[in-house]
Amino acid sequence: PAARGREGKGEKETPRRAEAMATATATTACLLAVWSLVAAGLFGTGLARSSVAPAAVGKEQREFDYFALALQWPGTICSSTRHCCAVNGCCRSEALHTFTIHGLWPDYDDGTWPSCCRHTSFDMDKLTPLKPALDKYWPSLYCSSSSTCFSGRGPFWAHEWGNFLQSA
């Protein structure tokens, strides 16, 4: 039988290519594991519980169909930011060389997404046990100070919570 893939075209698997594939696989597994922990932490600790009665929210929210996981390449984000390095989170002692989490968004199969969500407050204290993993796999690349991020609303996680996750 004919060989498949690159090896079939005369190219051999190199140790460097194998290492890159192993790193990519490990990074993906870590991202999924961290996001699972984040979801468990948010929903298991009460962060996702609404402080507003469902009747007061208005229109009933239907259940979403799936989560869309969005990853980002730090080099692209950092080179395209409109802020200088001194004020964004792209200035780091160690450059990031792996994809990081941008967000996990509830979506519908028809291409729309939940838009009338419960109003719950973001509580950074609930994420304290997860903070080292979040800083590594879901860093804010847009600003370095929580007090200045997103008009003072807090870190990128607060932005994502307010715009997407409270719909879940």
N, C-alpha and C. Protein backbone atom coordinates (compact mmCIF):
# COMPACT_ATOMS: atom_id res chain seq x y z
N PRO A 1 0.83 -1.20 0.00
CA PRO A 1 0.00 0.00 0.00
C PRO A 1 0.86 1.25 0.00
N ALA A 2 0.35 2.26 -0.64
CA ALA A 2 1.08 3.53 -0.71
C ALA A 2 1.11 4.19 0.66
N ALA A 3 2.22 4.84 0.94
CA ALA A 3 2.36 5.56 2.22
C ALA A 3 1.51 6.82 2.19
N ARG A 4 1.00 7.21 3.33
CA ARG A 4 0.18 8.41 3.43
C ARG A 4 0.97 9.55 4.05
N GLY A 5 0.43 10.74 3.88
CA GLY A 5 0.99 11.90 4.57
C GLY A 5 2.31 12.34 3.99
N ARG A 6 3.03 13.10 4.75
CA ARG A 6 4.29 13.68 4.30
C ARG A 6 5.36 12.63 4.10
N GLU A 7 5.35 11.59 4.93
CA GLU A 7 6.37 10.56 4.77
C GLU A 7 6.27 9.93 3.39
N GLY A 8 5.07 9.86 2.84
CA GLY A 8 4.88 9.27 1.53
C GLY A 8 5.44 10.13 0.41
N LYS A 9 5.76 11.37 0.67
CA LYS A 9 6.30 12.27 -0.33
C LYS A 9 7.80 12.46 -0.16
N GLY A 10 8.43 11.57 0.54
CA GLY A 10 9.86 11.64 0.70
C GLY A 10 10.32 12.41 1.93
N GLU A 11 9.39 13.01 2.67
CA GLU A 11 9.76 13.74 3.88
C GLU A 11 9.71 12.80 5.06
N LYS A 12 10.66 12.93 5.94
CA LYS A 12 10.70 12.09 7.13
C LYS A 12 10.27 12.89 8.35
N GLU A 13 9.70 12.19 9.29
CA GLU A 13 9.34 12.81 10.56
C GLU A 13 10.62 13.19 11.28
N THR A 14 10.77 14.45 11.59
CA THR A 14 11.97 14.91 12.29
C THR A 14 11.67 15.02 13.77
N PRO A 15 12.70 14.93 14.60
CA PRO A 15 12.48 15.10 16.04
C PRO A 15 11.86 16.46 16.36
N ARG A 16 12.26 17.49 15.62
CA ARG A 16 11.73 18.83 15.88
C ARG A 16 10.24 18.89 15.56
N ARG A 17 9.84 18.28 14.43
CA ARG A 17 8.43 18.26 14.05
C ARG A 17 7.62 17.45 15.06
N ALA A 18 8.16 16.33 15.48
CA ALA A 18 7.47 15.50 16.48
C ALA A 18 7.33 16.26 17.79
N GLU A 19 8.37 16.99 18.18
CA GLU A 19 8.31 17.78 19.42
C GLU A 19 7.27 18.89 19.30
N ALA A 20 7.20 19.54 18.14
CA ALA A 20 6.22 20.60 17.92
C ALA A 20 4.80 20.04 18.01
N MET A 21 4.58 18.88 17.41
CA MET A 21 3.25 18.25 17.47
C MET A 21 2.90 17.86 18.90
N ALA A 22 3.86 17.32 19.62
CA ALA A 22 3.61 16.93 21.02
C ALA A 22 3.30 18.16 21.86
N THR A 23 4.02 19.26 21.62
CA THR A 23 3.77 20.50 22.36
C THR A 23 2.38 21.04 22.05
N ALA A 24 2.00 21.04 20.77
CA ALA A 24 0.68 21.52 20.38
C ALA A 24 -0.42 20.67 21.01
N THR A 25 -0.24 19.37 21.01
CA THR A 25 -1.22 18.47 21.61
C THR A 25 -1.32 18.70 23.11
N ALA A 26 -0.18 18.84 23.77
CA ALA A 26 -0.17 19.08 25.22
C ALA A 26 -0.80 20.43 25.55
N THR A 27 -0.51 21.44 24.73
CA THR A 27 -1.09 22.77 24.96
C THR A 27 -2.60 22.72 24.82
N THR A 28 -3.09 22.05 23.79
CA THR A 28 -4.53 21.93 23.60
C THR A 28 -5.18 21.20 24.77
N ALA A 29 -4.57 20.12 25.21
CA ALA A 29 -5.11 19.38 26.36
C ALA A 29 -5.12 20.24 27.61
N CYS A 30 -4.06 21.01 27.82
CA CYS A 30 -4.00 21.90 28.99
C CYS A 30 -5.08 22.97 28.91
N LEU A 31 -5.25 23.56 27.72
CA LEU A 31 -6.28 24.59 27.57
C LEU A 31 -7.66 24.04 27.88
N LEU A 32 -7.95 22.86 27.37
CA LEU A 32 -9.26 22.25 27.63
C LEU A 32 -9.42 21.91 29.11
N ALA A 33 -8.36 21.43 29.74
CA ALA A 33 -8.42 21.11 31.16
C ALA A 33 -8.63 22.37 31.99
N VAL A 34 -7.90 23.43 31.66
CA VAL A 34 -8.06 24.69 32.41
C VAL A 34 -9.46 25.23 32.22
N TRP A 35 -9.95 25.19 31.00
CA TRP A 35 -11.28 25.73 30.75
C TRP A 35 -12.34 24.90 31.47
N SER A 36 -12.14 23.61 31.56
CA SER A 36 -13.05 22.77 32.34
C SER A 36 -13.03 23.18 33.80
N LEU A 37 -11.84 23.44 34.33
CA LEU A 37 -11.73 23.89 35.71
C LEU A 37 -12.38 25.25 35.90
N VAL A 38 -12.19 26.13 34.94
CA VAL A 38 -12.82 27.46 35.02
C VAL A 38 -14.33 27.31 35.04
N ALA A 39 -14.86 26.52 34.12
CA ALA A 39 -16.31 26.33 34.07
C ALA A 39 -16.81 25.70 35.36
N ALA A 40 -16.11 24.71 35.86
CA ALA A 40 -16.52 24.08 37.12
C ALA A 40 -16.42 25.08 38.26
N GLY A 41 -15.38 25.89 38.25
CA GLY A 41 -15.22 26.89 39.31
C GLY A 41 -16.30 27.95 39.26
N LEU A 42 -16.63 28.41 38.06
CA LEU A 42 -17.66 29.43 37.93
C LEU A 42 -19.03 28.90 38.31
N PHE A 43 -19.36 27.74 37.77
CA PHE A 43 -20.70 27.24 37.98
C PHE A 43 -20.85 26.48 39.29
N GLY A 44 -19.76 25.91 39.79
CA GLY A 44 -19.82 25.15 41.02
C GLY A 44 -19.73 25.99 42.28
N THR A 45 -19.21 27.22 42.16
CA THR A 45 -19.03 28.04 43.35
C THR A 45 -20.12 29.08 43.52
N GLY A 46 -21.04 29.13 42.59
CA GLY A 46 -22.11 30.09 42.72
C GLY A 46 -21.85 31.39 41.98
N LEU A 47 -20.73 31.51 41.28
CA LEU A 47 -20.45 32.74 40.56
C LEU A 47 -21.51 32.97 39.49
N ALA A 48 -22.05 31.89 38.95
CA ALA A 48 -23.02 32.03 37.88
C ALA A 48 -24.45 32.19 38.38
N ARG A 49 -24.66 32.18 39.66
CA ARG A 49 -26.02 32.32 40.17
C ARG A 49 -26.48 33.76 40.05
N SER A 50 -27.64 33.92 39.54
CA SER A 50 -28.17 35.25 39.33
C SER A 50 -28.63 35.88 40.64
N SER A 51 -28.38 37.18 40.76
CA SER A 51 -28.88 37.90 41.92
C SER A 51 -30.21 38.56 41.59
N VAL A 52 -30.69 38.38 40.36
CA VAL A 52 -31.94 38.95 39.92
C VAL A 52 -32.92 37.81 39.69
N ALA A 53 -34.14 37.97 40.16
CA ALA A 53 -35.15 36.93 39.96
C ALA A 53 -35.42 36.77 38.47
N PRO A 54 -35.61 35.52 37.98
CA PRO A 54 -35.83 35.31 36.56
C PRO A 54 -36.96 36.14 35.98
N ALA A 55 -38.03 36.34 36.72
CA ALA A 55 -39.15 37.12 36.22
C ALA A 55 -38.76 38.57 35.99
N ALA A 56 -37.79 39.07 36.75
CA ALA A 56 -37.37 40.46 36.62
C ALA A 56 -36.44 40.67 35.43
N VAL A 57 -35.89 39.60 34.91
CA VAL A 57 -34.94 39.73 33.81
C VAL A 57 -35.65 40.06 32.51
N GLY A 58 -36.85 39.58 32.33
CA GLY A 58 -37.58 39.87 31.11
C GLY A 58 -37.71 38.63 30.26
N LYS A 59 -37.36 38.76 28.99
CA LYS A 59 -37.50 37.68 28.02
C LYS A 59 -36.81 36.41 28.49
N GLU A 60 -37.50 35.30 28.35
CA GLU A 60 -36.94 34.00 28.73
C GLU A 60 -35.80 33.63 27.80
N GLN A 61 -34.70 33.18 28.36
CA GLN A 61 -33.52 32.80 27.57
C GLN A 61 -33.59 31.31 27.26
N ARG A 62 -33.55 30.95 25.98
CA ARG A 62 -33.55 29.53 25.64
C ARG A 62 -32.15 28.96 25.87
N GLU A 63 -32.09 27.66 26.05
CA GLU A 63 -30.81 26.99 26.28
C GLU A 63 -29.97 27.03 25.00
N PHE A 64 -28.68 27.33 25.15
CA PHE A 64 -27.80 27.39 23.99
C PHE A 64 -27.43 25.98 23.54
N ASP A 65 -26.88 25.87 22.32
CA ASP A 65 -26.59 24.56 21.74
C ASP A 65 -25.17 24.07 22.00
N TYR A 66 -24.21 24.97 22.05
CA TYR A 66 -22.82 24.55 22.25
C TYR A 66 -21.98 25.73 22.71
N PHE A 67 -20.78 25.43 23.18
CA PHE A 67 -19.79 26.45 23.50
C PHE A 67 -18.81 26.54 22.33
N ALA A 68 -18.48 27.74 21.90
CA ALA A 68 -17.43 27.96 20.91
C ALA A 68 -16.17 28.38 21.67
N LEU A 69 -15.11 27.60 21.54
CA LEU A 69 -13.84 27.92 22.18
C LEU A 69 -13.01 28.76 21.21
N ALA A 70 -12.66 29.97 21.62
CA ALA A 70 -11.84 30.87 20.80
C ALA A 70 -10.44 30.95 21.40
N LEU A 71 -9.45 30.63 20.58
CA LEU A 71 -8.06 30.74 21.00
C LEU A 71 -7.44 31.95 20.30
N GLN A 72 -6.34 32.44 20.85
CA GLN A 72 -5.66 33.59 20.25
C GLN A 72 -4.16 33.33 20.22
N TRP A 73 -3.51 33.93 19.23
CA TRP A 73 -2.05 33.85 19.13
C TRP A 73 -1.50 35.15 19.71
N PRO A 74 -0.79 35.09 20.85
CA PRO A 74 -0.32 36.30 21.52
C PRO A 74 0.48 37.25 20.64
N GLY A 75 1.32 36.73 19.76
CA GLY A 75 2.13 37.60 18.91
C GLY A 75 1.28 38.51 18.04
N THR A 76 0.18 37.98 17.50
CA THR A 76 -0.70 38.78 16.67
C THR A 76 -1.43 39.83 17.50
N ILE A 77 -1.94 39.43 18.65
CA ILE A 77 -2.63 40.38 19.52
C ILE A 77 -1.69 41.51 19.92
N CYS A 78 -0.50 41.15 20.34
CA CYS A 78 0.44 42.16 20.83
C CYS A 78 0.93 43.09 19.73
N SER A 79 1.05 42.58 18.51
CA SER A 79 1.52 43.44 17.42
C SER A 79 0.41 44.33 16.88
N SER A 80 -0.84 43.95 17.11
CA SER A 80 -1.95 44.73 16.56
C SER A 80 -2.64 45.62 17.59
N THR A 81 -2.21 45.56 18.84
CA THR A 81 -2.86 46.39 19.85
C THR A 81 -2.58 47.87 19.58
N ARG A 82 -3.53 48.72 19.91
CA ARG A 82 -3.36 50.15 19.69
C ARG A 82 -2.66 50.84 20.85
N HIS A 83 -2.35 50.08 21.86
CA HIS A 83 -1.70 50.66 23.03
C HIS A 83 -0.21 50.35 22.99
N CYS A 84 0.56 51.21 23.62
CA CYS A 84 2.00 50.93 23.65
C CYS A 84 2.28 49.83 24.66
N CYS A 85 3.43 49.25 24.54
CA CYS A 85 3.80 48.10 25.35
C CYS A 85 3.73 48.39 26.85
N ALA A 86 4.02 49.59 27.25
CA ALA A 86 4.05 49.90 28.68
C ALA A 86 2.68 49.81 29.33
N VAL A 87 1.60 49.92 28.56
CA VAL A 87 0.28 49.91 29.17
C VAL A 87 -0.54 48.68 28.84
N ASN A 88 -0.03 47.78 28.03
CA ASN A 88 -0.81 46.57 27.78
C ASN A 88 -0.12 45.35 28.36
N GLY A 89 -0.82 44.25 28.38
CA GLY A 89 -0.29 43.04 28.98
C GLY A 89 0.68 42.28 28.11
N CYS A 90 1.03 42.84 26.96
CA CYS A 90 1.95 42.14 26.07
C CYS A 90 3.39 42.26 26.54
N CYS A 91 3.68 43.21 27.39
CA CYS A 91 5.02 43.31 27.96
C CYS A 91 5.11 42.29 29.08
N ARG A 92 5.89 41.28 28.88
CA ARG A 92 6.03 40.21 29.86
C ARG A 92 7.49 39.85 29.98
N SER A 93 7.85 39.32 31.13
CA SER A 93 9.24 38.89 31.30
C SER A 93 9.56 37.73 30.36
N GLU A 94 8.56 36.91 30.07
CA GLU A 94 8.73 35.80 29.12
C GLU A 94 7.66 35.93 28.04
N ALA A 95 8.09 35.88 26.80
CA ALA A 95 7.14 35.94 25.69
C ALA A 95 6.29 34.68 25.67
N LEU A 96 5.05 34.83 25.25
CA LEU A 96 4.15 33.68 25.12
C LEU A 96 4.30 33.09 23.73
N HIS A 97 4.54 31.78 23.66
CA HIS A 97 4.76 31.11 22.38
C HIS A 97 3.75 30.01 22.12
N THR A 98 2.60 30.09 22.74
CA THR A 98 1.54 29.11 22.53
C THR A 98 0.22 29.85 22.40
N PHE A 99 -0.75 29.20 21.79
CA PHE A 99 -2.08 29.77 21.76
C PHE A 99 -2.59 29.89 23.19
N THR A 100 -3.37 30.92 23.43
CA THR A 100 -4.00 31.10 24.74
C THR A 100 -5.50 31.22 24.53
N ILE A 101 -6.24 31.08 25.60
CA ILE A 101 -7.69 31.19 25.52
C ILE A 101 -8.08 32.65 25.32
N HIS A 102 -8.98 32.88 24.40
CA HIS A 102 -9.59 34.20 24.26
C HIS A 102 -10.95 34.18 24.94
N GLY A 103 -11.71 33.11 24.72
CA GLY A 103 -13.02 33.03 25.35
C GLY A 103 -13.71 31.71 25.06
N LEU A 104 -14.78 31.50 25.76
CA LEU A 104 -15.64 30.34 25.57
C LEU A 104 -17.06 30.88 25.55
N TRP A 105 -17.67 30.85 24.39
CA TRP A 105 -18.93 31.56 24.19
C TRP A 105 -20.08 30.61 23.90
N PRO A 106 -21.22 30.80 24.55
CA PRO A 106 -22.41 30.01 24.23
C PRO A 106 -22.95 30.45 22.86
N ASP A 107 -23.32 29.50 22.04
CA ASP A 107 -23.84 29.78 20.70
C ASP A 107 -25.01 28.87 20.39
N TYR A 108 -25.80 29.29 19.39
CA TYR A 108 -26.89 28.48 18.87
C TYR A 108 -26.49 27.89 17.52
N ASP A 109 -27.09 26.78 17.15
CA ASP A 109 -26.81 26.13 15.88
C ASP A 109 -27.17 27.01 14.67
N ASP A 110 -28.04 27.98 14.85
CA ASP A 110 -28.47 28.82 13.73
C ASP A 110 -27.55 30.02 13.48
N GLY A 111 -26.43 30.09 14.19
CA GLY A 111 -25.48 31.18 13.98
C GLY A 111 -25.68 32.38 14.88
N THR A 112 -26.70 32.35 15.71
CA THR A 112 -26.91 33.44 16.67
C THR A 112 -26.38 33.01 18.03
N TRP A 113 -26.45 33.91 19.00
CA TRP A 113 -25.95 33.62 20.34
C TRP A 113 -26.88 34.25 21.36
N PRO A 114 -26.84 33.77 22.60
CA PRO A 114 -27.68 34.33 23.65
C PRO A 114 -27.37 35.82 23.85
N SER A 115 -28.41 36.61 23.96
CA SER A 115 -28.18 38.05 24.14
C SER A 115 -29.01 38.67 25.26
N CYS A 116 -29.92 37.92 25.84
CA CYS A 116 -30.68 38.48 26.96
C CYS A 116 -30.38 37.63 28.19
N CYS A 117 -29.34 38.01 28.83
CA CYS A 117 -28.79 37.18 29.90
C CYS A 117 -29.15 37.69 31.28
N ARG A 118 -28.96 36.81 32.26
CA ARG A 118 -29.09 37.19 33.67
C ARG A 118 -28.02 38.23 33.96
N HIS A 119 -28.28 39.08 34.89
CA HIS A 119 -27.26 40.06 35.29
C HIS A 119 -26.65 39.60 36.59
N THR A 120 -25.45 39.09 36.50
CA THR A 120 -24.73 38.62 37.67
C THR A 120 -23.41 39.37 37.75
N SER A 121 -22.95 39.57 38.95
CA SER A 121 -21.70 40.29 39.11
C SER A 121 -20.52 39.33 39.04
N PHE A 122 -19.41 39.83 38.54
CA PHE A 122 -18.18 39.06 38.46
C PHE A 122 -17.48 39.15 39.80
N ASP A 123 -17.08 38.02 40.35
CA ASP A 123 -16.42 37.99 41.66
C ASP A 123 -15.05 37.36 41.51
N MET A 124 -14.02 38.19 41.45
CA MET A 124 -12.65 37.72 41.26
C MET A 124 -12.23 36.77 42.38
N ASP A 125 -12.74 36.96 43.58
CA ASP A 125 -12.36 36.10 44.70
C ASP A 125 -12.70 34.63 44.44
N LYS A 126 -13.75 34.38 43.67
CA LYS A 126 -14.14 33.00 43.38
C LYS A 126 -13.13 32.31 42.47
N LEU A 127 -12.32 33.10 41.76
CA LEU A 127 -11.33 32.53 40.85
C LEU A 127 -9.95 32.38 41.48
N THR A 128 -9.79 32.81 42.72
CA THR A 128 -8.48 32.78 43.37
C THR A 128 -7.78 31.43 43.24
N PRO A 129 -8.44 30.29 43.48
CA PRO A 129 -7.74 29.01 43.34
C PRO A 129 -7.28 28.72 41.91
N LEU A 130 -7.94 29.32 40.94
CA LEU A 130 -7.62 29.07 39.53
C LEU A 130 -6.69 30.11 38.93
N LYS A 131 -6.38 31.17 39.67
CA LYS A 131 -5.64 32.30 39.11
C LYS A 131 -4.31 31.93 38.46
N PRO A 132 -3.46 31.07 39.05
CA PRO A 132 -2.21 30.72 38.36
C PRO A 132 -2.44 30.09 36.99
N ALA A 133 -3.41 29.20 36.89
CA ALA A 133 -3.71 28.57 35.60
C ALA A 133 -4.32 29.58 34.63
N LEU A 134 -5.19 30.45 35.13
CA LEU A 134 -5.78 31.47 34.27
C LEU A 134 -4.72 32.41 33.73
N ASP A 135 -3.80 32.85 34.59
CA ASP A 135 -2.73 33.74 34.15
C ASP A 135 -1.87 33.10 33.06
N LYS A 136 -1.69 31.80 33.15
CA LYS A 136 -0.86 31.10 32.17
C LYS A 136 -1.60 30.82 30.87
N TYR A 137 -2.81 30.29 30.96
CA TYR A 137 -3.52 29.83 29.77
C TYR A 137 -4.56 30.82 29.24
N TRP A 138 -4.96 31.79 30.06
CA TRP A 138 -5.97 32.76 29.65
C TRP A 138 -5.54 34.16 30.09
N PRO A 139 -4.35 34.59 29.67
CA PRO A 139 -3.85 35.89 30.12
C PRO A 139 -4.58 37.03 29.43
N SER A 140 -4.61 38.17 30.08
CA SER A 140 -5.11 39.37 29.43
C SER A 140 -3.96 39.97 28.64
N LEU A 141 -4.13 40.06 27.35
CA LEU A 141 -3.09 40.63 26.50
C LEU A 141 -3.40 42.08 26.15
N TYR A 142 -4.48 42.60 26.68
CA TYR A 142 -4.93 43.93 26.30
C TYR A 142 -4.54 45.01 27.30
N CYS A 143 -4.31 44.65 28.53
CA CYS A 143 -3.88 45.63 29.52
C CYS A 143 -3.25 44.90 30.69
N SER A 144 -2.39 45.59 31.39
CA SER A 144 -1.66 44.91 32.47
C SER A 144 -2.22 45.21 33.85
N SER A 145 -3.06 46.21 33.97
CA SER A 145 -3.60 46.57 35.28
C SER A 145 -5.10 46.36 35.30
N SER A 146 -5.59 45.58 36.25
CA SER A 146 -7.03 45.32 36.34
C SER A 146 -7.83 46.60 36.51
N SER A 147 -7.25 47.59 37.17
CA SER A 147 -7.99 48.82 37.42
C SER A 147 -8.20 49.63 36.14
N THR A 148 -7.40 49.40 35.12
CA THR A 148 -7.56 50.14 33.88
C THR A 148 -8.18 49.31 32.77
N CYS A 149 -8.28 48.02 32.96
CA CYS A 149 -8.84 47.16 31.92
C CYS A 149 -10.32 47.44 31.71
N PHE A 150 -10.71 47.53 30.47
CA PHE A 150 -12.11 47.62 30.09
C PHE A 150 -12.88 48.65 30.92
N SER A 151 -12.40 49.87 30.87
CA SER A 151 -13.02 51.00 31.57
C SER A 151 -13.15 50.76 33.06
N GLY A 152 -12.17 50.11 33.64
CA GLY A 152 -12.17 49.89 35.08
C GLY A 152 -12.99 48.71 35.56
N ARG A 153 -13.55 47.93 34.62
CA ARG A 153 -14.38 46.79 35.02
C ARG A 153 -13.56 45.61 35.50
N GLY A 154 -12.26 45.64 35.31
CA GLY A 154 -11.43 44.54 35.79
C GLY A 154 -10.71 43.83 34.68
N PRO A 155 -10.17 42.65 34.98
CA PRO A 155 -9.36 41.92 34.01
C PRO A 155 -10.20 41.40 32.84
N PHE A 156 -9.52 40.87 31.86
CA PHE A 156 -10.17 40.35 30.67
C PHE A 156 -11.23 39.31 31.02
N TRP A 157 -11.00 38.55 32.09
CA TRP A 157 -11.97 37.54 32.50
C TRP A 157 -13.30 38.20 32.86
N ALA A 158 -13.26 39.36 33.50
CA ALA A 158 -14.49 40.07 33.85
C ALA A 158 -15.22 40.52 32.58
N HIS A 159 -14.46 40.96 31.60
CA HIS A 159 -15.03 41.37 30.31
C HIS A 159 -15.73 40.18 29.65
N GLU A 160 -15.06 39.05 29.60
CA GLU A 160 -15.65 37.86 28.99
C GLU A 160 -16.88 37.38 29.76
N TRP A 161 -16.82 37.43 31.09
CA TRP A 161 -17.96 37.04 31.92
C TRP A 161 -19.16 37.93 31.61
N GLY A 162 -18.94 39.23 31.59
CA GLY A 162 -20.04 40.16 31.37
C GLY A 162 -20.64 40.07 29.99
N ASN A 163 -19.83 39.78 28.99
CA ASN A 163 -20.32 39.76 27.62
C ASN A 163 -20.81 38.40 27.15
N PHE A 164 -20.30 37.32 27.75
CA PHE A 164 -20.62 36.01 27.20
C PHE A 164 -21.05 34.97 28.22
N LEU A 165 -20.28 34.78 29.27
CA LEU A 165 -20.49 33.62 30.13
C LEU A 165 -21.71 33.71 31.02
N GLN A 166 -22.16 34.89 31.38
CA GLN A 166 -23.36 34.89 32.21
C GLN A 166 -24.58 34.43 31.41
N SER A 167 -24.47 34.36 30.09
CA SER A 167 -25.54 33.79 29.26
C SER A 167 -25.61 32.28 29.39
N ALA A 168 -24.51 31.69 29.84
CA ALA A 168 -24.47 30.23 29.95
C ALA A 168 -25.19 29.79 31.20
